[in-house]
Amino acid sequence: MVSYAKTESSEASAPATNLQVLPETTSPSDLKSLMKRYERELGVSCSYCHVEDRESGVIDYASDENPRKHTARIMIAMLDDINSKHLSQLAGDRRYSEPVTCGSCHRGRANPQAFSQ
């Protein structure tokens, strides 16, 4: 796992910057929980989408230099659309009551396996 220059408490209380898809009102603790879920569901560490200084190990969460962060934003917006615009129309059907998450397709892999025919 990545080592951080900041302590857990300062990291958890620092306001997020450069949020473009997630609501700017997302609390630091909710953001940390969400990022941990993304890590688990994709089987990656923070530096997969965020820029990490190779020498110090410090992660620049606000940086947009890593192209995977752009991809992540598109995927987060897609999930929001699926859950809020499409699955919400099936509210009466319990088969669709669980929201779609990254793990629905990725299942712990950065690159989800294609369905075989």
PDB file of N, CA and C in Angstrom:
ATOM      1  N   MET A   1       0.840  -1.180   0.000  1.00  0.00           N
ATOM      2  CA  MET A   1       0.000   0.000   0.000  1.00  0.00           C
ATOM      3  C   MET A   1       0.878   1.233   0.000  1.00  0.00           C
ATOM      4  N   VAL A   2       0.347   2.338  -0.408  1.00  0.00           N
ATOM      5  CA  VAL A   2       1.076   3.587  -0.520  1.00  0.00           C
ATOM      6  C   VAL A   2       1.286   4.185   0.852  1.00  0.00           C
ATOM      7  N   SER A   3       2.491   4.730   1.091  1.00  0.00           N
ATOM      8  CA  SER A   3       2.721   5.445   2.335  1.00  0.00           C
ATOM      9  C   SER A   3       2.455   6.926   2.095  1.00  0.00           C
ATOM     10  N   TYR A   4       1.923   7.590   3.093  1.00  0.00           N
ATOM     11  CA  TYR A   4       1.537   8.975   2.958  1.00  0.00           C
ATOM     12  C   TYR A   4       2.421   9.859   3.815  1.00  0.00           C
ATOM     13  N   ALA A   5       2.685  11.047   3.333  1.00  0.00           N
ATOM     14  CA  ALA A   5       3.434  12.019   4.108  1.00  0.00           C
ATOM     15  C   ALA A   5       2.546  12.611   5.199  1.00  0.00           C
ATOM     16  N   LYS A   6       1.266  12.724   4.936  1.00  0.00           N
ATOM     17  CA  LYS A   6       0.329  13.268   5.912  1.00  0.00           C
ATOM     18  C   LYS A   6      -0.109  12.166   6.871  1.00  0.00           C
ATOM     19  N   THR A   7      -0.579  12.561   8.027  1.00  0.00           N
ATOM     20  CA  THR A   7      -1.132  11.573   8.952  1.00  0.00           C
ATOM     21  C   THR A   7      -2.557  11.269   8.549  1.00  0.00           C
ATOM     22  N   GLU A   8      -3.065  10.150   8.992  1.00  0.00           N
ATOM     23  CA  GLU A   8      -4.436   9.758   8.671  1.00  0.00           C
ATOM     24  C   GLU A   8      -5.422  10.838   9.101  1.00  0.00           C
ATOM     25  N   SER A   9      -5.239  11.416  10.294  1.00  0.00           N
ATOM     26  CA  SER A   9      -6.209  12.391  10.778  1.00  0.00           C
ATOM     27  C   SER A   9      -6.193  13.660   9.947  1.00  0.00           C
ATOM     28  N   SER A  10      -5.002  14.144   9.527  1.00  0.00           N
ATOM     29  CA  SER A  10      -4.974  15.355   8.712  1.00  0.00           C
ATOM     30  C   SER A  10      -5.514  15.076   7.320  1.00  0.00           C
ATOM     31  N   GLU A  11      -5.277  13.889   6.810  1.00  0.00           N
ATOM     32  CA  GLU A  11      -5.779  13.526   5.491  1.00  0.00           C
ATOM     33  C   GLU A  11      -7.297  13.424   5.504  1.00  0.00           C
ATOM     34  N   ALA A  12      -7.846  12.862   6.550  1.00  0.00           N
ATOM     35  CA  ALA A  12      -9.290  12.667   6.631  1.00  0.00           C
ATOM     36  C   ALA A  12     -10.038  13.983   6.830  1.00  0.00           C
ATOM     37  N   SER A  13      -9.366  14.999   7.386  1.00  0.00           N
ATOM     38  CA  SER A  13     -10.062  16.253   7.643  1.00  0.00           C
ATOM     39  C   SER A  13      -9.763  17.325   6.604  1.00  0.00           C
ATOM     40  N   ALA A  14      -8.805  17.096   5.725  1.00  0.00           N
ATOM     41  CA  ALA A  14      -8.457  18.086   4.704  1.00  0.00           C
ATOM     42  C   ALA A  14      -9.573  18.160   3.667  1.00  0.00           C
ATOM     43  N   PRO A  15      -9.970  19.388   3.284  1.00  0.00           N
ATOM     44  CA  PRO A  15     -11.024  19.494   2.271  1.00  0.00           C
ATOM     45  C   PRO A  15     -10.524  19.014   0.911  1.00  0.00           C
ATOM     46  N   ALA A  16     -11.383  18.367   0.166  1.00  0.00           N
ATOM     47  CA  ALA A  16     -11.025  17.863  -1.160  1.00  0.00           C
ATOM     48  C   ALA A  16     -10.929  19.021  -2.138  1.00  0.00           C
ATOM     49  N   THR A  17     -10.032  18.882  -3.089  1.00  0.00           N
ATOM     50  CA  THR A  17      -9.899  19.888  -4.138  1.00  0.00           C
ATOM     51  C   THR A  17     -10.008  19.205  -5.492  1.00  0.00           C
ATOM     52  N   ASN A  18     -10.437  19.959  -6.483  1.00  0.00           N
ATOM     53  CA  ASN A  18     -10.528  19.495  -7.866  1.00  0.00           C
ATOM     54  C   ASN A  18     -11.534  18.357  -8.046  1.00  0.00           C
ATOM     55  N   LEU A  19     -12.619  18.381  -7.292  1.00  0.00           N
ATOM     56  CA  LEU A  19     -13.693  17.413  -7.521  1.00  0.00           C
ATOM     57  C   LEU A  19     -14.497  17.901  -8.714  1.00  0.00           C
ATOM     58  N   GLN A  20     -14.601  17.095  -9.756  1.00  0.00           N
ATOM     59  CA  GLN A  20     -15.310  17.496 -10.967  1.00  0.00           C
ATOM     60  C   GLN A  20     -16.563  16.675 -11.222  1.00  0.00           C
ATOM     61  N   VAL A  21     -16.603  15.450 -10.724  1.00  0.00           N
ATOM     62  CA  VAL A  21     -17.772  14.590 -10.917  1.00  0.00           C
ATOM     63  C   VAL A  21     -18.480  14.358  -9.585  1.00  0.00           C
ATOM     64  N   LEU A  22     -17.728  14.097  -8.559  1.00  0.00           N
ATOM     65  CA  LEU A  22     -18.311  13.925  -7.229  1.00  0.00           C
ATOM     66  C   LEU A  22     -18.741  15.288  -6.699  1.00  0.00           C
ATOM     67  N   PRO A  23     -19.786  15.333  -5.892  1.00  0.00           N
ATOM     68  CA  PRO A  23     -20.249  16.620  -5.349  1.00  0.00           C
ATOM     69  C   PRO A  23     -19.161  17.292  -4.511  1.00  0.00           C
ATOM     70  N   GLU A  24     -19.028  18.607  -4.672  1.00  0.00           N
ATOM     71  CA  GLU A  24     -18.038  19.359  -3.894  1.00  0.00           C
ATOM     72  C   GLU A  24     -18.341  19.307  -2.405  1.00  0.00           C
ATOM     73  N   THR A  25     -19.567  18.970  -2.058  1.00  0.00           N
ATOM     74  CA  THR A  25     -19.971  18.880  -0.659  1.00  0.00           C
ATOM     75  C   THR A  25     -19.618  17.530  -0.031  1.00  0.00           C
ATOM     76  N   THR A  26     -18.985  16.650  -0.796  1.00  0.00           N
ATOM     77  CA  THR A  26     -18.593  15.337  -0.267  1.00  0.00           C
ATOM     78  C   THR A  26     -17.636  15.548   0.896  1.00  0.00           C
ATOM     79  N   SER A  27     -17.969  14.994   2.036  1.00  0.00           N
ATOM     80  CA  SER A  27     -17.119  15.170   3.217  1.00  0.00           C
ATOM     81  C   SER A  27     -15.806  14.406   3.028  1.00  0.00           C
ATOM     82  N   PRO A  28     -14.746  14.856   3.679  1.00  0.00           N
ATOM     83  CA  PRO A  28     -13.467  14.144   3.575  1.00  0.00           C
ATOM     84  C   PRO A  28     -13.575  12.672   3.973  1.00  0.00           C
ATOM     85  N   SER A  29     -14.351  12.370   5.013  1.00  0.00           N
ATOM     86  CA  SER A  29     -14.467  10.969   5.430  1.00  0.00           C
ATOM     87  C   SER A  29     -15.250  10.143   4.410  1.00  0.00           C
ATOM     88  N   ASP A  30     -16.303  10.735   3.814  1.00  0.00           N
ATOM     89  CA  ASP A  30     -17.052  10.025   2.777  1.00  0.00           C
ATOM     90  C   ASP A  30     -16.189   9.817   1.535  1.00  0.00           C
ATOM     91  N   LEU A  31     -15.390  10.813   1.192  1.00  0.00           N
ATOM     92  CA  LEU A  31     -14.504  10.699   0.036  1.00  0.00           C
ATOM     93  C   LEU A  31     -13.471   9.594   0.253  1.00  0.00           C
ATOM     94  N   LYS A  32     -12.919   9.540   1.446  1.00  0.00           N
ATOM     95  CA  LYS A  32     -11.931   8.498   1.752  1.00  0.00           C
ATOM     96  C   LYS A  32     -12.573   7.114   1.655  1.00  0.00           C
ATOM     97  N   SER A  33     -13.778   6.961   2.181  1.00  0.00           N
ATOM     98  CA  SER A  33     -14.478   5.672   2.104  1.00  0.00           C
ATOM     99  C   SER A  33     -14.764   5.285   0.656  1.00  0.00           C
ATOM    100  N   LEU A  34     -15.177   6.258  -0.131  1.00  0.00           N
ATOM    101  CA  LEU A  34     -15.467   6.000  -1.538  1.00  0.00           C
ATOM    102  C   LEU A  34     -14.212   5.586  -2.291  1.00  0.00           C
ATOM    103  N   MET A  35     -13.103   6.270  -2.046  1.00  0.00           N
ATOM    104  CA  MET A  35     -11.841   5.925  -2.714  1.00  0.00           C
ATOM    105  C   MET A  35     -11.360   4.530  -2.304  1.00  0.00           C
ATOM    106  N   LYS A  36     -11.544   4.190  -1.043  1.00  0.00           N
ATOM    107  CA  LYS A  36     -11.183   2.840  -0.580  1.00  0.00           C
ATOM    108  C   LYS A  36     -12.036   1.797  -1.295  1.00  0.00           C
ATOM    109  N   ARG A  37     -13.306   2.103  -1.507  1.00  0.00           N
ATOM    110  CA  ARG A  37     -14.175   1.174  -2.232  1.00  0.00           C
ATOM    111  C   ARG A  37     -13.706   1.009  -3.670  1.00  0.00           C
ATOM    112  N   TYR A  38     -13.334   2.121  -4.324  1.00  0.00           N
ATOM    113  CA  TYR A  38     -12.813   2.030  -5.691  1.00  0.00           C
ATOM    114  C   TYR A  38     -11.555   1.164  -5.722  1.00  0.00           C
ATOM    115  N   GLU A  39     -10.671   1.355  -4.759  1.00  0.00           N
ATOM    116  CA  GLU A  39      -9.448   0.539  -4.686  1.00  0.00           C
ATOM    117  C   GLU A  39      -9.791  -0.948  -4.617  1.00  0.00           C
ATOM    118  N   ARG A  40     -10.715  -1.283  -3.727  1.00  0.00           N
ATOM    119  CA  ARG A  40     -11.106  -2.679  -3.514  1.00  0.00           C
ATOM    120  C   ARG A  40     -11.800  -3.253  -4.757  1.00  0.00           C
ATOM    121  N   GLU A  41     -12.722  -2.504  -5.334  1.00  0.00           N
ATOM    122  CA  GLU A  41     -13.495  -3.020  -6.458  1.00  0.00           C
ATOM    123  C   GLU A  41     -12.681  -3.132  -7.744  1.00  0.00           C
ATOM    124  N   LEU A  42     -11.612  -2.331  -7.861  1.00  0.00           N
ATOM    125  CA  LEU A  42     -10.758  -2.395  -9.045  1.00  0.00           C
ATOM    126  C   LEU A  42      -9.444  -3.122  -8.778  1.00  0.00           C
ATOM    127  N   GLY A  43      -9.169  -3.454  -7.528  1.00  0.00           N
ATOM    128  CA  GLY A  43      -7.928  -4.141  -7.186  1.00  0.00           C
ATOM    129  C   GLY A  43      -6.696  -3.294  -7.456  1.00  0.00           C
ATOM    130  N   VAL A  44      -6.773  -1.997  -7.173  1.00  0.00           N
ATOM    131  CA  VAL A  44      -5.668  -1.075  -7.435  1.00  0.00           C
ATOM    132  C   VAL A  44      -5.363  -0.263  -6.188  1.00  0.00           C
ATOM    133  N   SER A  45      -4.264   0.492  -6.245  1.00  0.00           N
ATOM    134  CA  SER A  45      -3.931   1.429  -5.169  1.00  0.00           C
ATOM    135  C   SER A  45      -4.227   2.847  -5.652  1.00  0.00           C
ATOM    136  N   CYS A  46      -4.107   3.810  -4.767  1.00  0.00           N
ATOM    137  CA  CYS A  46      -4.403   5.215  -5.099  1.00  0.00           C
ATOM    138  C   CYS A  46      -3.627   5.698  -6.320  1.00  0.00           C
ATOM    139  N   SER A  47      -2.378   5.267  -6.418  1.00  0.00           N
ATOM    140  CA  SER A  47      -1.522   5.761  -7.499  1.00  0.00           C
ATOM    141  C   SER A  47      -1.931   5.231  -8.876  1.00  0.00           C
ATOM    142  N   TYR A  48      -2.903   4.356  -8.929  1.00  0.00           N
ATOM    143  CA  TYR A  48      -3.400   3.899 -10.226  1.00  0.00           C
ATOM    144  C   TYR A  48      -4.059   5.061 -10.976  1.00  0.00           C
ATOM    145  N   CYS A  49      -4.798   5.903 -10.258  1.00  0.00           N
ATOM    146  CA  CYS A  49      -5.477   7.052 -10.873  1.00  0.00           C
ATOM    147  C   CYS A  49      -4.849   8.389 -10.498  1.00  0.00           C
ATOM    148  N   HIS A  50      -4.181   8.433  -9.352  1.00  0.00           N
ATOM    149  CA  HIS A  50      -3.598   9.679  -8.865  1.00  0.00           C
ATOM    150  C   HIS A  50      -2.082   9.675  -9.080  1.00  0.00           C
ATOM    151  N   VAL A  51      -1.513  10.870  -9.129  1.00  0.00           N
ATOM    152  CA  VAL A  51      -0.077  11.028  -9.361  1.00  0.00           C
ATOM    153  C   VAL A  51       0.678  10.837  -8.049  1.00  0.00           C
ATOM    154  N   GLU A  52       1.664   9.948  -8.081  1.00  0.00           N
ATOM    155  CA  GLU A  52       2.495   9.697  -6.909  1.00  0.00           C
ATOM    156  C   GLU A  52       3.928  10.113  -7.214  1.00  0.00           C
ATOM    157  N   ASP A  53       4.517  10.883  -6.311  1.00  0.00           N
ATOM    158  CA  ASP A  53       5.922  11.254  -6.446  1.00  0.00           C
ATOM    159  C   ASP A  53       6.755  10.000  -6.189  1.00  0.00           C
ATOM    160  N   ARG A  54       7.541   9.604  -7.178  1.00  0.00           N
ATOM    161  CA  ARG A  54       8.293   8.341  -7.080  1.00  0.00           C
ATOM    162  C   ARG A  54       9.304   8.338  -5.944  1.00  0.00           C
ATOM    163  N   GLU A  55       9.875   9.491  -5.661  1.00  0.00           N
ATOM    164  CA  GLU A  55      10.903   9.544  -4.615  1.00  0.00           C
ATOM    165  C   GLU A  55      10.318   9.584  -3.209  1.00  0.00           C
ATOM    166  N   SER A  56       9.296  10.412  -3.009  1.00  0.00           N
ATOM    167  CA  SER A  56       8.759  10.586  -1.656  1.00  0.00           C
ATOM    168  C   SER A  56       7.561   9.688  -1.359  1.00  0.00           C
ATOM    169  N   GLY A  57       6.883   9.207  -2.406  1.00  0.00           N
ATOM    170  CA  GLY A  57       5.684   8.404  -2.197  1.00  0.00           C
ATOM    171  C   GLY A  57       4.451   9.229  -1.892  1.00  0.00           C
ATOM    172  N   VAL A  58       4.578  10.562  -1.906  1.00  0.00           N
ATOM    173  CA  VAL A  58       3.442  11.443  -1.633  1.00  0.00           C
ATOM    174  C   VAL A  58       2.545  11.490  -2.864  1.00  0.00           C
ATOM    175  N   ILE A  59       1.256  11.374  -2.630  1.00  0.00           N
ATOM    176  CA  ILE A  59       0.285  11.382  -3.728  1.00  0.00           C
ATOM    177  C   ILE A  59      -0.337  12.766  -3.840  1.00  0.00           C
ATOM    178  N   ASP A  60      -0.390  13.261  -5.068  1.00  0.00           N
ATOM    179  CA  ASP A  60      -1.042  14.539  -5.368  1.00  0.00           C
ATOM    180  C   ASP A  60      -2.440  14.215  -5.875  1.00  0.00           C
ATOM    181  N   TYR A  61      -3.398  14.207  -4.972  1.00  0.00           N
ATOM    182  CA  TYR A  61      -4.765  13.807  -5.312  1.00  0.00           C
ATOM    183  C   TYR A  61      -5.444  14.784  -6.256  1.00  0.00           C
ATOM    184  N   ALA A  62      -5.074  16.067  -6.216  1.00  0.00           N
ATOM    185  CA  ALA A  62      -5.730  17.074  -7.042  1.00  0.00           C
ATOM    186  C   ALA A  62      -5.213  17.092  -8.476  1.00  0.00           C
ATOM    187  N   SER A  63      -4.047  16.554  -8.714  1.00  0.00           N
ATOM    188  CA  SER A  63      -3.443  16.600 -10.045  1.00  0.00           C
ATOM    189  C   SER A  63      -4.278  15.838 -11.072  1.00  0.00           C
ATOM    190  N   ASP A  64      -4.296  16.380 -12.290  1.00  0.00           N
ATOM    191  CA  ASP A  64      -4.985  15.722 -13.400  1.00  0.00           C
ATOM    192  C   ASP A  64      -3.993  15.118 -14.393  1.00  0.00           C
ATOM    193  N   GLU A  65      -2.743  14.956 -14.006  1.00  0.00           N
ATOM    194  CA  GLU A  65      -1.708  14.456 -14.921  1.00  0.00           C
ATOM    195  C   GLU A  65      -1.885  13.000 -15.308  1.00  0.00           C
ATOM    196  N   ASN A  66      -2.475  12.191 -14.453  1.00  0.00           N
ATOM    197  CA  ASN A  66      -2.651  10.771 -14.753  1.00  0.00           C
ATOM    198  C   ASN A  66      -3.911  10.600 -15.604  1.00  0.00           C
ATOM    199  N   PRO A  67      -3.774  10.115 -16.849  1.00  0.00           N
ATOM    200  CA  PRO A  67      -4.950   9.969 -17.715  1.00  0.00           C
ATOM    201  C   PRO A  67      -5.998   8.997 -17.169  1.00  0.00           C
ATOM    202  N   ARG A  68      -5.608   8.113 -16.279  1.00  0.00           N
ATOM    203  CA  ARG A  68      -6.596   7.183 -15.699  1.00  0.00           C
ATOM    204  C   ARG A  68      -7.613   7.920 -14.838  1.00  0.00           C
ATOM    205  N   LYS A  69      -7.225   9.081 -14.304  1.00  0.00           N
ATOM    206  CA  LYS A  69      -8.161   9.862 -13.500  1.00  0.00           C
ATOM    207  C   LYS A  69      -9.300  10.371 -14.388  1.00  0.00           C
ATOM    208  N   HIS A  70      -8.999  10.758 -15.593  1.00  0.00           N
ATOM    209  CA  HIS A  70     -10.028  11.192 -16.542  1.00  0.00           C
ATOM    210  C   HIS A  70     -10.982  10.032 -16.842  1.00  0.00           C
ATOM    211  N   THR A  71     -10.409   8.854 -17.074  1.00  0.00           N
ATOM    212  CA  THR A  71     -11.230   7.664 -17.326  1.00  0.00           C
ATOM    213  C   THR A  71     -12.113   7.371 -16.118  1.00  0.00           C
ATOM    214  N   ALA A  72     -11.547   7.465 -14.924  1.00  0.00           N
ATOM    215  CA  ALA A  72     -12.321   7.209 -13.699  1.00  0.00           C
ATOM    216  C   ALA A  72     -13.499   8.162 -13.589  1.00  0.00           C
ATOM    217  N   ARG A  73     -13.278   9.422 -13.927  1.00  0.00           N
ATOM    218  CA  ARG A  73     -14.364  10.402 -13.863  1.00  0.00           C
ATOM    219  C   ARG A  73     -15.496  10.028 -14.825  1.00  0.00           C
ATOM    220  N   ILE A  74     -15.139   9.594 -16.008  1.00  0.00           N
ATOM    221  CA  ILE A  74     -16.160   9.183 -16.985  1.00  0.00           C
ATOM    222  C   ILE A  74     -16.935   7.981 -16.454  1.00  0.00           C
ATOM    223  N   MET A  75     -16.224   7.018 -15.877  1.00  0.00           N
ATOM    224  CA  MET A  75     -16.875   5.819 -15.353  1.00  0.00           C
ATOM    225  C   MET A  75     -17.772   6.144 -14.160  1.00  0.00           C
ATOM    226  N   ILE A  76     -17.341   7.060 -13.288  1.00  0.00           N
ATOM    227  CA  ILE A  76     -18.158   7.463 -12.139  1.00  0.00           C
ATOM    228  C   ILE A  76     -19.438   8.132 -12.632  1.00  0.00           C
ATOM    229  N   ALA A  77     -19.323   8.999 -13.631  1.00  0.00           N
ATOM    230  CA  ALA A  77     -20.502   9.659 -14.198  1.00  0.00           C
ATOM    231  C   ALA A  77     -21.434   8.640 -14.847  1.00  0.00           C
ATOM    232  N   MET A  78     -20.855   7.638 -15.512  1.00  0.00           N
ATOM    233  CA  MET A  78     -21.661   6.587 -16.148  1.00  0.00           C
ATOM    234  C   MET A  78     -22.461   5.817 -15.092  1.00  0.00           C
ATOM    235  N   LEU A  79     -21.801   5.448 -13.984  1.00  0.00           N
ATOM    236  CA  LEU A  79     -22.495   4.726 -12.922  1.00  0.00           C
ATOM    237  C   LEU A  79     -23.623   5.569 -12.336  1.00  0.00           C
ATOM    238  N   ASP A  80     -23.357   6.861 -12.159  1.00  0.00           N
ATOM    239  CA  ASP A  80     -24.389   7.742 -11.633  1.00  0.00           C
ATOM    240  C   ASP A  80     -25.591   7.785 -12.574  1.00  0.00           C
ATOM    241  N   ASP A  81     -25.328   7.870 -13.875  1.00  0.00           N
ATOM    242  CA  ASP A  81     -26.420   7.861 -14.857  1.00  0.00           C
ATOM    243  C   ASP A  81     -27.198   6.551 -14.816  1.00  0.00           C
ATOM    244  N   ILE A  82     -26.491   5.441 -14.790  1.00  0.00           N
ATOM    245  CA  ILE A  82     -27.159   4.133 -14.758  1.00  0.00           C
ATOM    246  C   ILE A  82     -28.058   4.030 -13.532  1.00  0.00           C
ATOM    247  N   ASN A  83     -27.514   4.396 -12.372  1.00  0.00           N
ATOM    248  CA  ASN A  83     -28.267   4.246 -11.128  1.00  0.00           C
ATOM    249  C   ASN A  83     -29.388   5.270 -10.978  1.00  0.00           C
ATOM    250  N   SER A  84     -29.104   6.533 -11.290  1.00  0.00           N
ATOM    251  CA  SER A  84     -30.105   7.565 -11.033  1.00  0.00           C
ATOM    252  C   SER A  84     -31.108   7.745 -12.165  1.00  0.00           C
ATOM    253  N   LYS A  85     -30.695   7.574 -13.385  1.00  0.00           N
ATOM    254  CA  LYS A  85     -31.601   7.815 -14.511  1.00  0.00           C
ATOM    255  C   LYS A  85     -32.279   6.550 -15.019  1.00  0.00           C
ATOM    256  N   HIS A  86     -31.587   5.442 -14.988  1.00  0.00           N
ATOM    257  CA  HIS A  86     -32.123   4.237 -15.612  1.00  0.00           C
ATOM    258  C   HIS A  86     -32.694   3.242 -14.594  1.00  0.00           C
ATOM    259  N   LEU A  87     -31.887   2.820 -13.632  1.00  0.00           N
ATOM    260  CA  LEU A  87     -32.397   1.853 -12.652  1.00  0.00           C
ATOM    261  C   LEU A  87     -33.507   2.450 -11.805  1.00  0.00           C
ATOM    262  N   SER A  88     -33.461   3.758 -11.592  1.00  0.00           N
ATOM    263  CA  SER A  88     -34.516   4.392 -10.787  1.00  0.00           C
ATOM    264  C   SER A  88     -35.888   4.269 -11.451  1.00  0.00           C
ATOM    265  N   GLN A  89     -35.913   4.098 -12.761  1.00  0.00           N
ATOM    266  CA  GLN A  89     -37.184   3.922 -13.467  1.00  0.00           C
ATOM    267  C   GLN A  89     -37.783   2.540 -13.210  1.00  0.00           C
ATOM    268  N   LEU A  90     -36.970   1.637 -12.683  1.00  0.00           N
ATOM    269  CA  LEU A  90     -37.422   0.276 -12.396  1.00  0.00           C
ATOM    270  C   LEU A  90     -37.641   0.083 -10.899  1.00  0.00           C
ATOM    271  N   ALA A  91     -37.978   1.149 -10.220  1.00  0.00           N
ATOM    272  CA  ALA A  91     -38.068   1.151  -8.755  1.00  0.00           C
ATOM    273  C   ALA A  91     -38.955   0.045  -8.205  1.00  0.00           C
ATOM    274  N   GLY A  92     -39.977  -0.340  -8.914  1.00  0.00           N
ATOM    275  CA  GLY A  92     -40.871  -1.370  -8.412  1.00  0.00           C
ATOM    276  C   GLY A  92     -40.353  -2.780  -8.588  1.00  0.00           C
ATOM    277  N   ASP A  93     -39.295  -2.955  -9.333  1.00  0.00           N
ATOM    278  CA  ASP A  93     -38.757  -4.282  -9.625  1.00  0.00           C
ATOM    279  C   ASP A  93     -37.542  -4.542  -8.732  1.00  0.00           C
ATOM    280  N   ARG A  94     -37.693  -5.410  -7.752  1.00  0.00           N
ATOM    281  CA  ARG A  94     -36.638  -5.664  -6.756  1.00  0.00           C
ATOM    282  C   ARG A  94     -35.350  -6.232  -7.365  1.00  0.00           C
ATOM    283  N   ARG A  95     -35.431  -6.801  -8.558  1.00  0.00           N
ATOM    284  CA  ARG A  95     -34.217  -7.325  -9.187  1.00  0.00           C
ATOM    285  C   ARG A  95     -33.210  -6.205  -9.453  1.00  0.00           C
ATOM    286  N   TYR A  96     -33.678  -4.980  -9.534  1.00  0.00           N
ATOM    287  CA  TYR A  96     -32.812  -3.852  -9.860  1.00  0.00           C
ATOM    288  C   TYR A  96     -32.677  -2.881  -8.693  1.00  0.00           C
ATOM    289  N   SER A  97     -32.878  -3.371  -7.491  1.00  0.00           N
ATOM    290  CA  SER A  97     -32.818  -2.493  -6.325  1.00  0.00           C
ATOM    291  C   SER A  97     -31.380  -2.203  -5.880  1.00  0.00           C
ATOM    292  N   GLU A  98     -30.443  -3.069  -6.215  1.00  0.00           N
ATOM    293  CA  GLU A  98     -29.044  -2.838  -5.857  1.00  0.00           C
ATOM    294  C   GLU A  98     -28.390  -1.931  -6.888  1.00  0.00           C
ATOM    295  N   PRO A  99     -27.718  -0.862  -6.459  1.00  0.00           N
ATOM    296  CA  PRO A  99     -27.060   0.014  -7.431  1.00  0.00           C
ATOM    297  C   PRO A  99     -25.869  -0.672  -8.093  1.00  0.00           C
ATOM    298  N   VAL A 100     -25.585  -0.259  -9.302  1.00  0.00           N
ATOM    299  CA  VAL A 100     -24.410  -0.736 -10.022  1.00  0.00           C
ATOM    300  C   VAL A 100     -23.197  -0.026  -9.432  1.00  0.00           C
ATOM    301  N   THR A 101     -22.114  -0.759  -9.226  1.00  0.00           N
ATOM    302  CA  THR A 101     -20.866  -0.177  -8.715  1.00  0.00           C
ATOM    303  C   THR A 101     -19.733  -0.562  -9.660  1.00  0.00           C
ATOM    304  N   CYS A 102     -18.563  -0.030  -9.409  1.00  0.00           N
ATOM    305  CA  CYS A 102     -17.391  -0.404 -10.206  1.00  0.00           C
ATOM    306  C   CYS A 102     -17.189  -1.922 -10.160  1.00  0.00           C
ATOM    307  N   GLY A 103     -17.420  -2.490  -8.978  1.00  0.00           N
ATOM    308  CA  GLY A 103     -17.228  -3.916  -8.793  1.00  0.00           C
ATOM    309  C   GLY A 103     -18.196  -4.778  -9.582  1.00  0.00           C
ATOM    310  N   SER A 104     -19.311  -4.203 -10.024  1.00  0.00           N
ATOM    311  CA  SER A 104     -20.273  -4.976 -10.812  1.00  0.00           C
ATOM    312  C   SER A 104     -19.618  -5.543 -12.060  1.00  0.00           C
ATOM    313  N   CYS A 105     -18.718  -4.796 -12.653  1.00  0.00           N
ATOM    314  CA  CYS A 105     -18.019  -5.259 -13.861  1.00  0.00           C
ATOM    315  C   CYS A 105     -16.563  -5.612 -13.586  1.00  0.00           C
ATOM    316  N   HIS A 106     -15.891  -4.784 -12.790  1.00  0.00           N
ATOM    317  CA  HIS A 106     -14.453  -4.973 -12.590  1.00  0.00           C
ATOM    318  C   HIS A 106     -14.127  -6.183 -11.725  1.00  0.00           C
ATOM    319  N   ARG A 107     -14.907  -6.453 -10.722  1.00  0.00           N
ATOM    320  CA  ARG A 107     -14.726  -7.609  -9.846  1.00  0.00           C
ATOM    321  C   ARG A 107     -13.285  -7.778  -9.365  1.00  0.00           C
ATOM    322  N   GLY A 108     -12.721  -6.647  -8.879  1.00  0.00           N
ATOM    323  CA  GLY A 108     -11.374  -6.682  -8.308  1.00  0.00           C
ATOM    324  C   GLY A 108     -10.255  -6.613  -9.321  1.00  0.00           C
ATOM    325  N   ARG A 109     -10.550  -6.302 -10.565  1.00  0.00           N
ATOM    326  CA  ARG A 109      -9.534  -6.217 -11.614  1.00  0.00           C
ATOM    327  C   ARG A 109      -9.559  -4.829 -12.256  1.00  0.00           C
ATOM    328  N   ALA A 110      -8.378  -4.275 -12.490  1.00  0.00           N
ATOM    329  CA  ALA A 110      -8.296  -2.959 -13.131  1.00  0.00           C
ATOM    330  C   ALA A 110      -8.915  -2.995 -14.528  1.00  0.00           C
ATOM    331  N   ASN A 111      -8.698  -4.081 -15.231  1.00  0.00           N
ATOM    332  CA  ASN A 111      -9.259  -4.259 -16.577  1.00  0.00           C
ATOM    333  C   ASN A 111     -10.236  -5.429 -16.519  1.00  0.00           C
ATOM    334  N   PRO A 112     -11.537  -5.126 -16.546  1.00  0.00           N
ATOM    335  CA  PRO A 112     -12.510  -6.210 -16.393  1.00  0.00           C
ATOM    336  C   PRO A 112     -12.440  -7.194 -17.559  1.00  0.00           C
ATOM    337  N   GLN A 113     -12.675  -8.433 -17.240  1.00  0.00           N
ATOM    338  CA  GLN A 113     -12.692  -9.475 -18.285  1.00  0.00           C
ATOM    339  C   GLN A 113     -13.916  -9.316 -19.153  1.00  0.00           C
ATOM    340  N   ALA A 114     -13.745  -9.553 -20.426  1.00  0.00           N
ATOM    341  CA  ALA A 114     -14.875  -9.524 -21.347  1.00  0.00           C
ATOM    342  C   ALA A 114     -15.727 -10.758 -21.138  1.00  0.00           C
ATOM    343  N   PHE A 115     -17.006 -10.604 -21.390  1.00  0.00           N
ATOM    344  CA  PHE A 115     -17.906 -11.765 -21.306  1.00  0.00           C
ATOM    345  C   PHE A 115     -17.580 -12.690 -22.476  1.00  0.00           C
ATOM    346  N   SER A 116     -17.493 -13.970 -22.190  1.00  0.00           N
ATOM    347  CA  SER A 116     -17.240 -14.914 -23.284  1.00  0.00           C
ATOM    348  C   SER A 116     -18.578 -15.395 -23.829  1.00  0.00           C
ATOM    349  N   GLN A 117     -18.550 -15.760 -25.081  1.00  0.00           N
ATOM    350  CA  GLN A 117     -19.795 -16.168 -25.739  1.00  0.00           C
ATOM    351  C   GLN A 117     -20.037 -17.645 -25.613  1.00  0.00           C
TER     352      GLN A 117
END
